[in-house]
Amino acid sequence: MSLVDVLPTVVELLGRPRPDVDGTSLVTTFSGRTLGRRELYAESFAPLLDFGWSSLRSVRVGSEKYIAAPRPELYDVARDPGETRSLIDERADVGRVLAERVDRYASAELPLSAQAEPGEGEARARLAALGYVSGRAATIPSSNRPDPKDRKALAARIAQVTSGELGGVELEAALEAIVRDDPANGQGHLRLGYVLLEQGDCRRAETHFRHAIAAGVPSADPYLGLAQCLGARDDGPGAAAALLEARRVEPGSPVVEANLGILALAEARLDDAMTLLQGALEIAPDLHEARFALARAYLRAGRRDEAAREARALLARLPPEAPQRPEVERLLRAVQ
């Protein structure tokens, strides 16, 4: 039995047409019938995408279970349900056959390549402008990546960080230790970058954001952090390049569009700023900084009624104790 069997089983019990999905209905087993010999596949790409470690993929045929990793394993789960003794050396022929079966389901490289490989033309040029030709993790063969099974202690330390147990100096120290012990850990660099950014230490934060980008972290977050650091040192072109890369990684993100709009406002490109900020607010109306920037853009463009409208809308959304209220109220007084 596998989790992929749940949907076809429920659908058959409800008398609905079978969907085109993996898995087998288990309804026949309720009357004592048995299923034929099956092949079950499982995978986890979280170690690869989150930390730059190897992915883990497995296939089970009958009682034999093969785990594809830099250090592959083979178990007879009928005799060893706890998977305590790998038979990969004793049954190398079985391991080779099952390794081929695993690769038929998915490549160890595919998800990372889809996320991290830069596109051609304009996207590649922007990456080059930021100092990168391609994500580092995308170029590392899976056999050379750390095996997650050998990183249990480090994974426990990462879990402590992600659980929110630590803060302040303790959090910074824990992240510093993680990236020291695992230099290619993109998520560790990303989190440390934002900790340093909150402290106003953009010089060090920028280094860690660049490490996260080079590690192939598949999100806009490292580019957003880098853009903030570059903007803080008045590198408008660099900040724009970082934000355009963020847009490529997460197209349609309201946070990215809002940041592009705020940058356009800082560069006095008022029409671009208004278009970008309006688009961001259509997706996420509660982006308060974007709405305040839109009100300022309207004011600078001489569109006082629209500036007042956005300021009132922002005040209506802000809690009474919000520290931003006095600044918004001053803007509203200025346009009335």
C-alpha atoms as a PDB file:
ATOM      1  CA  MET A   1       0.000   0.000   0.000  1.00  0.00           C
ATOM      2  CA  SER A   2       1.170   3.534  -0.780  1.00  0.00           C
ATOM      3  CA  LEU A   3      -0.171   7.055  -0.256  1.00  0.00           C
ATOM      4  CA  VAL A   4      -0.765   7.290  -4.019  1.00  0.00           C
ATOM      5  CA  ASP A   5      -3.421   4.584  -3.564  1.00  0.00           C
ATOM      6  CA  VAL A   6      -5.637   6.752  -1.338  1.00  0.00           C
ATOM      7  CA  LEU A   7      -7.193   8.911  -4.080  1.00  0.00           C
ATOM      8  CA  PRO A   8      -8.117   6.081  -6.495  1.00  0.00           C
ATOM      9  CA  THR A   9      -9.525   4.088  -3.571  1.00  0.00           C
ATOM     10  CA  VAL A  10     -11.719   6.953  -2.332  1.00  0.00           C
ATOM     11  CA  VAL A  11     -12.870   7.771  -5.864  1.00  0.00           C
ATOM     12  CA  GLU A  12     -13.958   4.173  -6.479  1.00  0.00           C
ATOM     13  CA  LEU A  13     -15.777   4.053  -3.135  1.00  0.00           C
ATOM     14  CA  LEU A  14     -17.672   7.184  -4.155  1.00  0.00           C
ATOM     15  CA  GLY A  15     -18.580   5.633  -7.499  1.00  0.00           C
ATOM     16  CA  ARG A  16     -16.851   8.347  -9.504  1.00  0.00           C
ATOM     17  CA  PRO A  17     -14.781   7.889 -12.695  1.00  0.00           C
ATOM     18  CA  ARG A  18     -11.154   7.006 -12.011  1.00  0.00           C
ATOM     19  CA  PRO A  19      -8.820  10.010 -12.475  1.00  0.00           C
ATOM     20  CA  ASP A  20      -5.598   9.722 -14.452  1.00  0.00           C
ATOM     21  CA  VAL A  21      -3.277   9.476 -11.450  1.00  0.00           C
ATOM     22  CA  ASP A  22      -0.647   7.130 -10.098  1.00  0.00           C
ATOM     23  CA  GLY A  23      -1.734   4.487  -7.638  1.00  0.00           C
ATOM     24  CA  THR A  24      -4.142   1.572  -7.482  1.00  0.00           C
ATOM     25  CA  SER A  25      -7.570   1.309  -5.897  1.00  0.00           C
ATOM     26  CA  LEU A  26      -7.482  -0.946  -2.833  1.00  0.00           C
ATOM     27  CA  VAL A  27     -11.213  -1.663  -2.860  1.00  0.00           C
ATOM     28  CA  THR A  28     -10.683  -5.248  -4.064  1.00  0.00           C
ATOM     29  CA  THR A  29      -8.480  -5.961  -1.042  1.00  0.00           C
ATOM     30  CA  PHE A  30     -11.406  -5.272   1.312  1.00  0.00           C
ATOM     31  CA  SER A  31     -12.857  -8.647   0.333  1.00  0.00           C
ATOM     32  CA  GLY A  32      -9.595 -10.466   0.954  1.00  0.00           C
ATOM     33  CA  ARG A  33      -8.098 -10.341  -2.527  1.00  0.00           C
ATOM     34  CA  THR A  34      -4.424  -9.427  -2.849  1.00  0.00           C
ATOM     35  CA  LEU A  35      -2.718  -7.040  -5.217  1.00  0.00           C
ATOM     36  CA  GLY A  36      -0.116  -8.261  -7.654  1.00  0.00           C
ATOM     37  CA  ARG A  37       3.583  -7.511  -7.394  1.00  0.00           C
ATOM     38  CA  ARG A  38       4.010  -3.759  -7.343  1.00  0.00           C
ATOM     39  CA  GLU A  39       6.784  -1.207  -7.758  1.00  0.00           C
ATOM     40  CA  LEU A  40       6.636   1.763  -5.370  1.00  0.00           C
ATOM     41  CA  TYR A  41       8.682   4.941  -5.865  1.00  0.00           C
ATOM     42  CA  ALA A  42       9.406   7.748  -3.375  1.00  0.00           C
ATOM     43  CA  GLU A  43      11.540  10.860  -3.500  1.00  0.00           C
ATOM     44  CA  SER A  44      12.614  13.883  -1.512  1.00  0.00           C
ATOM     45  CA  PHE A  45      14.296  16.810  -3.222  1.00  0.00           C
ATOM     46  CA  ALA A  46      14.117  19.008  -0.115  1.00  0.00           C
ATOM     47  CA  PRO A  47      17.749  18.297   0.868  1.00  0.00           C
ATOM     48  CA  LEU A  48      18.829  19.322  -2.636  1.00  0.00           C
ATOM     49  CA  LEU A  49      16.724  22.454  -3.032  1.00  0.00           C
ATOM     50  CA  ASP A  50      16.994  23.666   0.558  1.00  0.00           C
ATOM     51  CA  PHE A  51      20.579  22.836   1.489  1.00  0.00           C
ATOM     52  CA  GLY A  52      22.453  21.826  -1.665  1.00  0.00           C
ATOM     53  CA  TRP A  53      22.773  18.238  -0.452  1.00  0.00           C
ATOM     54  CA  SER A  54      21.917  15.217  -2.564  1.00  0.00           C
ATOM     55  CA  SER A  55      18.307  14.331  -3.266  1.00  0.00           C
ATOM     56  CA  LEU A  56      16.979  11.029  -1.914  1.00  0.00           C
ATOM     57  CA  ARG A  57      15.048   8.694  -4.209  1.00  0.00           C
ATOM     58  CA  SER A  58      13.932   5.138  -3.585  1.00  0.00           C
ATOM     59  CA  VAL A  59      12.125   2.261  -5.255  1.00  0.00           C
ATOM     60  CA  ARG A  60      10.653  -0.835  -3.678  1.00  0.00           C
ATOM     61  CA  VAL A  61       9.898  -4.007  -5.631  1.00  0.00           C
ATOM     62  CA  GLY A  62       8.547  -6.835  -3.524  1.00  0.00           C
ATOM     63  CA  SER A  63      10.655  -6.954  -0.366  1.00  0.00           C
ATOM     64  CA  GLU A  64      13.662  -5.183  -1.897  1.00  0.00           C
ATOM     65  CA  LYS A  65      14.057  -1.450  -1.311  1.00  0.00           C
ATOM     66  CA  TYR A  66      16.792   0.591  -2.976  1.00  0.00           C
ATOM     67  CA  ILE A  67      17.740   4.125  -1.871  1.00  0.00           C
ATOM     68  CA  ALA A  68      19.552   6.236  -4.471  1.00  0.00           C
ATOM     69  CA  ALA A  69      22.057   8.611  -2.849  1.00  0.00           C
ATOM     70  CA  PRO A  70      25.808   9.282  -3.027  1.00  0.00           C
ATOM     71  CA  ARG A  71      26.044   6.271  -0.708  1.00  0.00           C
ATOM     72  CA  PRO A  72      23.323   3.949  -2.079  1.00  0.00           C
ATOM     73  CA  GLU A  73      21.590   1.408   0.129  1.00  0.00           C
ATOM     74  CA  LEU A  74      19.635  -1.801  -0.433  1.00  0.00           C
ATOM     75  CA  TYR A  75      17.395  -3.503   2.130  1.00  0.00           C
ATOM     76  CA  ASP A  76      15.279  -6.621   2.354  1.00  0.00           C
ATOM     77  CA  VAL A  77      12.383  -5.034   4.237  1.00  0.00           C
ATOM     78  CA  ALA A  78      10.607  -8.346   4.758  1.00  0.00           C
ATOM     79  CA  ARG A  79      13.508  -9.641   6.852  1.00  0.00           C
ATOM     80  CA  ASP A  80      14.780  -6.244   8.022  1.00  0.00           C
ATOM     81  CA  PRO A  81      11.773  -3.885   8.386  1.00  0.00           C
ATOM     82  CA  GLY A  82      13.867  -1.404  10.360  1.00  0.00           C
ATOM     83  CA  GLU A  83      16.373  -1.102   7.488  1.00  0.00           C
ATOM     84  CA  THR A  84      19.321  -1.707   9.811  1.00  0.00           C
ATOM     85  CA  ARG A  85      21.640  -3.623   7.448  1.00  0.00           C
ATOM     86  CA  SER A  86      22.326  -2.534   3.882  1.00  0.00           C
ATOM     87  CA  LEU A  87      22.867  -5.351   1.367  1.00  0.00           C
ATOM     88  CA  ILE A  88      24.232  -3.123  -1.398  1.00  0.00           C
ATOM     89  CA  ASP A  89      27.632  -4.851  -1.462  1.00  0.00           C
ATOM     90  CA  GLU A  90      26.240  -8.374  -1.235  1.00  0.00           C
ATOM     91  CA  ARG A  91      23.573  -7.868  -3.907  1.00  0.00           C
ATOM     92  CA  ALA A  92      25.289  -5.442  -6.258  1.00  0.00           C
ATOM     93  CA  ASP A  93      23.434  -6.899  -9.276  1.00  0.00           C
ATOM     94  CA  VAL A  94      20.044  -6.166  -7.669  1.00  0.00           C
ATOM     95  CA  GLY A  95      21.256  -2.678  -6.769  1.00  0.00           C
ATOM     96  CA  ARG A  96      22.211  -1.932 -10.365  1.00  0.00           C
ATOM     97  CA  VAL A  97      18.807  -3.045 -11.648  1.00  0.00           C
ATOM     98  CA  LEU A  98      16.907  -0.988  -9.099  1.00  0.00           C
ATOM     99  CA  ALA A  99      19.144   2.034  -9.685  1.00  0.00           C
ATOM    100  CA  GLU A 100      18.045   1.963 -13.325  1.00  0.00           C
ATOM    101  CA  ARG A 101      14.406   1.739 -12.191  1.00  0.00           C
ATOM    102  CA  VAL A 102      14.824   4.811  -9.962  1.00  0.00           C
ATOM    103  CA  ASP A 103      16.296   6.845 -12.821  1.00  0.00           C
ATOM    104  CA  ARG A 104      13.296   6.023 -15.003  1.00  0.00           C
ATOM    105  CA  TYR A 105      11.055   7.864 -12.571  1.00  0.00           C
ATOM    106  CA  ALA A 106      13.128  11.039 -12.117  1.00  0.00           C
ATOM    107  CA  SER A 107      16.638  12.372 -12.502  1.00  0.00           C
ATOM    108  CA  ALA A 108      18.528  13.437  -9.401  1.00  0.00           C
ATOM    109  CA  GLU A 109      19.294  16.727 -11.194  1.00  0.00           C
ATOM    110  CA  LEU A 110      15.949  17.689 -12.752  1.00  0.00           C
ATOM    111  CA  PRO A 111      14.229  19.831 -10.096  1.00  0.00           C
ATOM    112  CA  LEU A 112      17.379  21.854  -9.314  1.00  0.00           C
ATOM    113  CA  SER A 113      18.179  22.349 -12.998  1.00  0.00           C
ATOM    114  CA  ALA A 114      14.656  23.611 -13.621  1.00  0.00           C
ATOM    115  CA  GLN A 115      14.957  26.117 -10.798  1.00  0.00           C
ATOM    116  CA  ALA A 116      18.561  27.210 -10.890  1.00  0.00           C
ATOM    117  CA  GLU A 117      19.768  27.196 -14.475  1.00  0.00           C
ATOM    118  CA  PRO A 118      19.688  30.742 -15.841  1.00  0.00           C
ATOM    119  CA  GLY A 119      17.931  31.370 -19.107  1.00  0.00           C
ATOM    120  CA  GLU A 120      19.513  32.689 -22.234  1.00  0.00           C
ATOM    121  CA  GLY A 121      19.838  36.266 -23.450  1.00  0.00           C
ATOM    122  CA  GLU A 122      18.633  38.965 -21.105  1.00  0.00           C
ATOM    123  CA  ALA A 123      18.407  36.770 -17.987  1.00  0.00           C
ATOM    124  CA  ARG A 124      21.965  35.499 -18.455  1.00  0.00           C
ATOM    125  CA  ALA A 125      23.211  39.044 -19.007  1.00  0.00           C
ATOM    126  CA  ARG A 126      21.613  40.189 -15.757  1.00  0.00           C
ATOM    127  CA  LEU A 127      23.224  37.308 -13.876  1.00  0.00           C
ATOM    128  CA  ALA A 128      26.574  38.211 -15.359  1.00  0.00           C
ATOM    129  CA  ALA A 129      26.053  41.813 -14.216  1.00  0.00           C
ATOM    130  CA  LEU A 130      25.583  40.499 -10.673  1.00  0.00           C
ATOM    131  CA  GLY A 131      28.778  38.477 -10.866  1.00  0.00           C
ATOM    132  CA  TYR A 132      27.324  35.055 -11.627  1.00  0.00           C
ATOM    133  CA  VAL A 133      27.269  32.919 -14.749  1.00  0.00           C
ATOM    134  CA  SER A 134      25.210  30.094 -13.284  1.00  0.00           C
ATOM    135  CA  GLY A 135      24.102  28.764  -9.930  1.00  0.00           C
ATOM    136  CA  ARG A 136      26.917  26.819  -8.279  1.00  0.00           C
ATOM    137  CA  ALA A 137      24.660  24.007  -7.102  1.00  0.00           C
ATOM    138  CA  ALA A 138      23.380  23.429 -10.606  1.00  0.00           C
ATOM    139  CA  THR A 139      26.882  22.509 -11.741  1.00  0.00           C
ATOM    140  CA  ILE A 140      27.706  20.006  -8.973  1.00  0.00           C
ATOM    141  CA  PRO A 141      27.142  16.336  -9.927  1.00  0.00           C
ATOM    142  CA  SER A 142      24.781  14.588  -7.529  1.00  0.00           C
ATOM    143  CA  SER A 143      27.451  12.033  -6.646  1.00  0.00           C
ATOM    144  CA  ASN A 144      29.644  14.853  -5.263  1.00  0.00           C
ATOM    145  CA  ARG A 145      26.965  16.401  -3.052  1.00  0.00           C
ATOM    146  CA  PRO A 146      26.737  15.549   0.655  1.00  0.00           C
ATOM    147  CA  ASP A 147      24.602  12.527   1.486  1.00  0.00           C
ATOM    148  CA  PRO A 148      21.729  13.704   3.757  1.00  0.00           C
ATOM    149  CA  LYS A 149      22.089  10.501   5.775  1.00  0.00           C
ATOM    150  CA  ASP A 150      25.522  11.741   6.867  1.00  0.00           C
ATOM    151  CA  ARG A 151      24.218  15.173   7.904  1.00  0.00           C
ATOM    152  CA  LYS A 152      21.788  14.226  10.685  1.00  0.00           C
ATOM    153  CA  ALA A 153      23.522  16.290  13.378  1.00  0.00           C
ATOM    154  CA  LEU A 154      23.694  19.328  11.104  1.00  0.00           C
ATOM    155  CA  ALA A 155      20.033  18.847  10.136  1.00  0.00           C
ATOM    156  CA  ALA A 156      19.112  18.931  13.831  1.00  0.00           C
ATOM    157  CA  ARG A 157      20.930  22.259  14.228  1.00  0.00           C
ATOM    158  CA  ILE A 158      19.137  23.643  11.175  1.00  0.00           C
ATOM    159  CA  ALA A 159      15.812  22.490  12.641  1.00  0.00           C
ATOM    160  CA  GLN A 160      16.580  24.431  15.815  1.00  0.00           C
ATOM    161  CA  VAL A 161      17.093  27.566  13.717  1.00  0.00           C
ATOM    162  CA  THR A 162      13.971  27.107  11.604  1.00  0.00           C
ATOM    163  CA  SER A 163      11.794  26.299  14.643  1.00  0.00           C
ATOM    164  CA  GLY A 164      12.199  29.846  15.965  1.00  0.00           C
ATOM    165  CA  GLU A 165      13.803  28.699  19.218  1.00  0.00           C
ATOM    166  CA  LEU A 166      16.743  31.066  18.797  1.00  0.00           C
ATOM    167  CA  GLY A 167      16.958  34.807  18.420  1.00  0.00           C
ATOM    168  CA  GLY A 168      19.416  37.677  18.514  1.00  0.00           C
ATOM    169  CA  VAL A 169      23.040  36.800  19.152  1.00  0.00           C
ATOM    170  CA  GLU A 170      22.253  33.076  19.579  1.00  0.00           C
ATOM    171  CA  LEU A 171      20.556  32.897  16.181  1.00  0.00           C
ATOM    172  CA  GLU A 172      23.413  34.691  14.444  1.00  0.00           C
ATOM    173  CA  ALA A 173      25.983  32.419  16.100  1.00  0.00           C
ATOM    174  CA  ALA A 174      24.047  29.280  15.160  1.00  0.00           C
ATOM    175  CA  LEU A 175      23.797  30.362  11.518  1.00  0.00           C
ATOM    176  CA  GLU A 176      27.462  31.341  11.400  1.00  0.00           C
ATOM    177  CA  ALA A 177      28.344  27.843  12.630  1.00  0.00           C
ATOM    178  CA  ILE A 178      26.049  26.180  10.070  1.00  0.00           C
ATOM    179  CA  VAL A 179      27.564  27.981   7.081  1.00  0.00           C
ATOM    180  CA  ARG A 180      31.055  27.440   8.446  1.00  0.00           C
ATOM    181  CA  ASP A 181      30.470  23.676   8.678  1.00  0.00           C
ATOM    182  CA  ASP A 182      28.427  23.512   5.448  1.00  0.00           C
ATOM    183  CA  PRO A 183      29.654  26.354   3.180  1.00  0.00           C
ATOM    184  CA  ALA A 184      27.344  25.430   0.265  1.00  0.00           C
ATOM    185  CA  ASN A 185      24.206  25.577   2.424  1.00  0.00           C
ATOM    186  CA  GLY A 186      22.173  28.184   0.549  1.00  0.00           C
ATOM    187  CA  GLN A 187      19.350  28.398   3.076  1.00  0.00           C
ATOM    188  CA  GLY A 188      21.825  28.953   5.898  1.00  0.00           C
ATOM    189  CA  HIS A 189      23.447  31.825   4.009  1.00  0.00           C
ATOM    190  CA  LEU A 190      20.025  33.267   3.166  1.00  0.00           C
ATOM    191  CA  ARG A 191      18.812  33.269   6.762  1.00  0.00           C
ATOM    192  CA  LEU A 192      22.102  34.701   8.020  1.00  0.00           C
ATOM    193  CA  GLY A 193      21.911  37.408   5.363  1.00  0.00           C
ATOM    194  CA  TYR A 194      18.525  38.570   6.639  1.00  0.00           C
ATOM    195  CA  VAL A 195      19.667  38.450  10.277  1.00  0.00           C
ATOM    196  CA  LEU A 196      22.565  40.739   9.382  1.00  0.00           C
ATOM    197  CA  LEU A 197      20.326  42.954   7.247  1.00  0.00           C
ATOM    198  CA  GLU A 198      18.031  43.522  10.233  1.00  0.00           C
ATOM    199  CA  GLN A 199      21.105  44.631  12.177  1.00  0.00           C
ATOM    200  CA  GLY A 200      21.993  47.116   9.443  1.00  0.00           C
ATOM    201  CA  ASP A 201      25.152  45.198   8.532  1.00  0.00           C
ATOM    202  CA  CYS A 202      24.661  45.237   4.763  1.00  0.00           C
ATOM    203  CA  ARG A 203      28.320  44.654   4.020  1.00  0.00           C
ATOM    204  CA  ARG A 204      28.281  41.189   5.575  1.00  0.00           C
ATOM    205  CA  ALA A 205      24.678  40.483   4.573  1.00  0.00           C
ATOM    206  CA  GLU A 206      25.445  41.077   0.900  1.00  0.00           C
ATOM    207  CA  THR A 207      28.139  38.397   0.979  1.00  0.00           C
ATOM    208  CA  HIS A 208      25.707  35.812   2.322  1.00  0.00           C
ATOM    209  CA  PHE A 209      22.975  36.740  -0.157  1.00  0.00           C
ATOM    210  CA  ARG A 210      25.463  36.211  -2.972  1.00  0.00           C
ATOM    211  CA  HIS A 211      26.418  32.829  -1.504  1.00  0.00           C
ATOM    212  CA  ALA A 212      22.725  31.870  -1.377  1.00  0.00           C
ATOM    213  CA  ILE A 213      22.280  32.845  -5.034  1.00  0.00           C
ATOM    214  CA  ALA A 214      25.386  30.927  -6.065  1.00  0.00           C
ATOM    215  CA  ALA A 215      24.073  27.889  -4.162  1.00  0.00           C
ATOM    216  CA  GLY A 216      20.934  27.951  -6.316  1.00  0.00           C
ATOM    217  CA  VAL A 217      18.314  28.766  -3.650  1.00  0.00           C
ATOM    218  CA  PRO A 218      15.093  28.508  -5.703  1.00  0.00           C
ATOM    219  CA  SER A 219      13.299  31.620  -4.466  1.00  0.00           C
ATOM    220  CA  ALA A 220      13.319  35.372  -4.940  1.00  0.00           C
ATOM    221  CA  ASP A 221      14.403  35.963  -1.331  1.00  0.00           C
ATOM    222  CA  PRO A 222      18.193  36.146  -1.812  1.00  0.00           C
ATOM    223  CA  TYR A 223      17.753  38.569  -4.727  1.00  0.00           C
ATOM    224  CA  LEU A 224      15.386  40.739  -2.673  1.00  0.00           C
ATOM    225  CA  GLY A 225      17.899  40.887   0.167  1.00  0.00           C
ATOM    226  CA  LEU A 226      20.739  41.652  -2.240  1.00  0.00           C
ATOM    227  CA  ALA A 227      18.678  44.385  -3.907  1.00  0.00           C
ATOM    228  CA  GLN A 228      18.043  46.003  -0.531  1.00  0.00           C
ATOM    229  CA  CYS A 229      21.763  46.014   0.257  1.00  0.00           C
ATOM    230  CA  LEU A 230      22.704  47.394  -3.149  1.00  0.00           C
ATOM    231  CA  GLY A 231      20.039  50.087  -2.884  1.00  0.00           C
ATOM    232  CA  ALA A 232      21.362  51.062   0.544  1.00  0.00           C
ATOM    233  CA  ARG A 233      24.716  51.900  -1.027  1.00  0.00           C
ATOM    234  CA  ASP A 234      23.086  53.783  -3.908  1.00  0.00           C
ATOM    235  CA  ASP A 235      23.787  51.120  -6.533  1.00  0.00           C
ATOM    236  CA  GLY A 236      20.536  51.552  -8.460  1.00  0.00           C
ATOM    237  CA  PRO A 237      21.555  49.505 -11.524  1.00  0.00           C
ATOM    238  CA  GLY A 238      22.725  46.641  -9.322  1.00  0.00           C
ATOM    239  CA  ALA A 239      19.519  46.715  -7.286  1.00  0.00           C
ATOM    240  CA  ALA A 240      17.457  46.728 -10.492  1.00  0.00           C
ATOM    241  CA  ALA A 241      19.392  43.738 -11.859  1.00  0.00           C
ATOM    242  CA  ALA A 242      18.814  41.818  -8.624  1.00  0.00           C
ATOM    243  CA  LEU A 243      15.089  42.598  -8.661  1.00  0.00           C
ATOM    244  CA  LEU A 244      14.744  41.520 -12.289  1.00  0.00           C
ATOM    245  CA  GLU A 245      16.373  38.223 -11.352  1.00  0.00           C
ATOM    246  CA  ALA A 246      13.907  37.937  -8.465  1.00  0.00           C
ATOM    247  CA  ARG A 247      11.088  38.438 -10.968  1.00  0.00           C
ATOM    248  CA  ARG A 248      12.528  35.710 -13.199  1.00  0.00           C
ATOM    249  CA  VAL A 249      12.669  33.275 -10.304  1.00  0.00           C
ATOM    250  CA  GLU A 250       9.194  34.160  -8.976  1.00  0.00           C
ATOM    251  CA  PRO A 251       7.178  35.769 -11.790  1.00  0.00           C
ATOM    252  CA  GLY A 252       4.091  37.578 -10.567  1.00  0.00           C
ATOM    253  CA  SER A 253       5.309  37.983  -6.980  1.00  0.00           C
ATOM    254  CA  PRO A 254       3.650  41.117  -5.527  1.00  0.00           C
ATOM    255  CA  VAL A 255       6.631  41.696  -3.224  1.00  0.00           C
ATOM    256  CA  VAL A 256       9.021  41.747  -6.167  1.00  0.00           C
ATOM    257  CA  GLU A 257       6.746  44.041  -8.182  1.00  0.00           C
ATOM    258  CA  ALA A 258       6.389  46.368  -5.192  1.00  0.00           C
ATOM    259  CA  ASN A 259      10.151  46.582  -4.776  1.00  0.00           C
ATOM    260  CA  LEU A 260      10.575  47.343  -8.479  1.00  0.00           C
ATOM    261  CA  GLY A 261       7.974  50.088  -8.052  1.00  0.00           C
ATOM    262  CA  ILE A 262       9.707  51.578  -5.028  1.00  0.00           C
ATOM    263  CA  LEU A 263      13.004  51.580  -6.945  1.00  0.00           C
ATOM    264  CA  ALA A 264      11.318  53.290  -9.906  1.00  0.00           C
ATOM    265  CA  LEU A 265       9.943  55.947  -7.532  1.00  0.00           C
ATOM    266  CA  ALA A 266      13.424  56.543  -6.098  1.00  0.00           C
ATOM    267  CA  GLU A 267      14.685  57.064  -9.657  1.00  0.00           C
ATOM    268  CA  ALA A 268      11.788  59.473 -10.430  1.00  0.00           C
ATOM    269  CA  ARG A 269      10.296  57.121 -13.050  1.00  0.00           C
ATOM    270  CA  LEU A 270       6.806  57.990 -11.874  1.00  0.00           C
ATOM    271  CA  ASP A 271       4.753  56.267 -14.577  1.00  0.00           C
ATOM    272  CA  ASP A 272       6.681  53.015 -14.114  1.00  0.00           C
ATOM    273  CA  ALA A 273       6.400  53.324 -10.347  1.00  0.00           C
ATOM    274  CA  MET A 274       2.635  53.785 -10.426  1.00  0.00           C
ATOM    275  CA  THR A 275       2.111  50.886 -12.829  1.00  0.00           C
ATOM    276  CA  LEU A 276       4.273  48.496 -10.810  1.00  0.00           C
ATOM    277  CA  LEU A 277       2.825  49.503  -7.445  1.00  0.00           C
ATOM    278  CA  GLN A 278      -0.756  49.299  -8.694  1.00  0.00           C
ATOM    279  CA  GLY A 279      -0.049  45.815 -10.038  1.00  0.00           C
ATOM    280  CA  ALA A 280       1.448  44.688  -6.730  1.00  0.00           C
ATOM    281  CA  LEU A 281      -1.545  45.996  -4.760  1.00  0.00           C
ATOM    282  CA  GLU A 282      -4.021  44.279  -7.057  1.00  0.00           C
ATOM    283  CA  ILE A 283      -2.427  40.975  -6.052  1.00  0.00           C
ATOM    284  CA  ALA A 284      -1.778  41.818  -2.379  1.00  0.00           C
ATOM    285  CA  PRO A 285      -3.821  44.808  -1.137  1.00  0.00           C
ATOM    286  CA  ASP A 286      -2.188  44.740   2.310  1.00  0.00           C
ATOM    287  CA  LEU A 287       1.334  45.594   1.138  1.00  0.00           C
ATOM    288  CA  HIS A 288       1.386  48.777   3.203  1.00  0.00           C
ATOM    289  CA  GLU A 289       4.782  50.038   2.064  1.00  0.00           C
ATOM    290  CA  ALA A 290       3.694  49.652  -1.558  1.00  0.00           C
ATOM    291  CA  ARG A 291       0.494  51.653  -0.934  1.00  0.00           C
ATOM    292  CA  PHE A 292       2.422  54.424   0.806  1.00  0.00           C
ATOM    293  CA  ALA A 293       4.876  54.527  -2.098  1.00  0.00           C
ATOM    294  CA  LEU A 294       1.952  54.707  -4.534  1.00  0.00           C
ATOM    295  CA  ALA A 295       0.485  57.651  -2.622  1.00  0.00           C
ATOM    296  CA  ARG A 296       3.868  59.414  -2.810  1.00  0.00           C
ATOM    297  CA  ALA A 297       4.139  58.678  -6.528  1.00  0.00           C
ATOM    298  CA  TYR A 298       0.706  60.224  -7.133  1.00  0.00           C
ATOM    299  CA  LEU A 299       1.681  63.265  -5.088  1.00  0.00           C
ATOM    300  CA  ARG A 300       4.918  63.763  -7.021  1.00  0.00           C
ATOM    301  CA  ALA A 301       2.975  63.427 -10.276  1.00  0.00           C
ATOM    302  CA  GLY A 302       0.556  66.199  -9.142  1.00  0.00           C
ATOM    303  CA  ARG A 303      -2.351  63.759  -8.785  1.00  0.00           C
ATOM    304  CA  ARG A 304      -3.360  64.952  -5.328  1.00  0.00           C
ATOM    305  CA  ASP A 305      -6.833  63.392  -5.184  1.00  0.00           C
ATOM    306  CA  GLU A 306      -5.432  59.952  -5.958  1.00  0.00           C
ATOM    307  CA  ALA A 307      -2.641  60.457  -3.426  1.00  0.00           C
ATOM    308  CA  ALA A 308      -5.224  61.339  -0.775  1.00  0.00           C
ATOM    309  CA  ARG A 309      -7.332  58.307  -1.710  1.00  0.00           C
ATOM    310  CA  GLU A 310      -4.408  55.920  -1.242  1.00  0.00           C
ATOM    311  CA  ALA A 311      -3.367  57.585   2.028  1.00  0.00           C
ATOM    312  CA  ARG A 312      -6.915  57.198   3.411  1.00  0.00           C
ATOM    313  CA  ALA A 313      -7.033  53.586   2.254  1.00  0.00           C
ATOM    314  CA  LEU A 314      -3.734  52.907   3.991  1.00  0.00           C
ATOM    315  CA  LEU A 315      -4.875  54.519   7.247  1.00  0.00           C
ATOM    316  CA  ALA A 316      -8.014  52.375   7.150  1.00  0.00           C
ATOM    317  CA  ARG A 317      -5.873  49.236   6.879  1.00  0.00           C
ATOM    318  CA  LEU A 318      -3.251  50.126   9.492  1.00  0.00           C
ATOM    319  CA  PRO A 319      -3.904  49.192  13.139  1.00  0.00           C
ATOM    320  CA  PRO A 320      -4.436  52.176  15.483  1.00  0.00           C
ATOM    321  CA  GLU A 321      -1.043  51.604  17.163  1.00  0.00           C
ATOM    322  CA  ALA A 322       0.922  51.170  13.914  1.00  0.00           C
ATOM    323  CA  PRO A 323       4.117  53.285  13.970  1.00  0.00           C
ATOM    324  CA  GLN A 324       3.604  54.216  10.293  1.00  0.00           C
ATOM    325  CA  ARG A 325       0.391  56.159  10.962  1.00  0.00           C
ATOM    326  CA  PRO A 326       1.970  59.574  11.748  1.00  0.00           C
ATOM    327  CA  GLU A 327       3.911  59.597   8.474  1.00  0.00           C
ATOM    328  CA  VAL A 328       0.826  58.635   6.466  1.00  0.00           C
ATOM    329  CA  GLU A 329      -1.224  61.300   8.264  1.00  0.00           C
ATOM    330  CA  ARG A 330       1.411  63.937   7.404  1.00  0.00           C
ATOM    331  CA  LEU A 331       1.209  62.947   3.741  1.00  0.00           C
ATOM    332  CA  LEU A 332      -2.576  63.166   3.838  1.00  0.00           C
ATOM    333  CA  ARG A 333      -2.463  66.644   5.389  1.00  0.00           C
ATOM    334  CA  ALA A 334      -0.024  67.729   2.668  1.00  0.00           C
ATOM    335  CA  VAL A 335      -2.412  66.819  -0.162  1.00  0.00           C
ATOM    336  CA  GLN A 336      -5.644  68.120   1.356  1.00  0.00           C
END
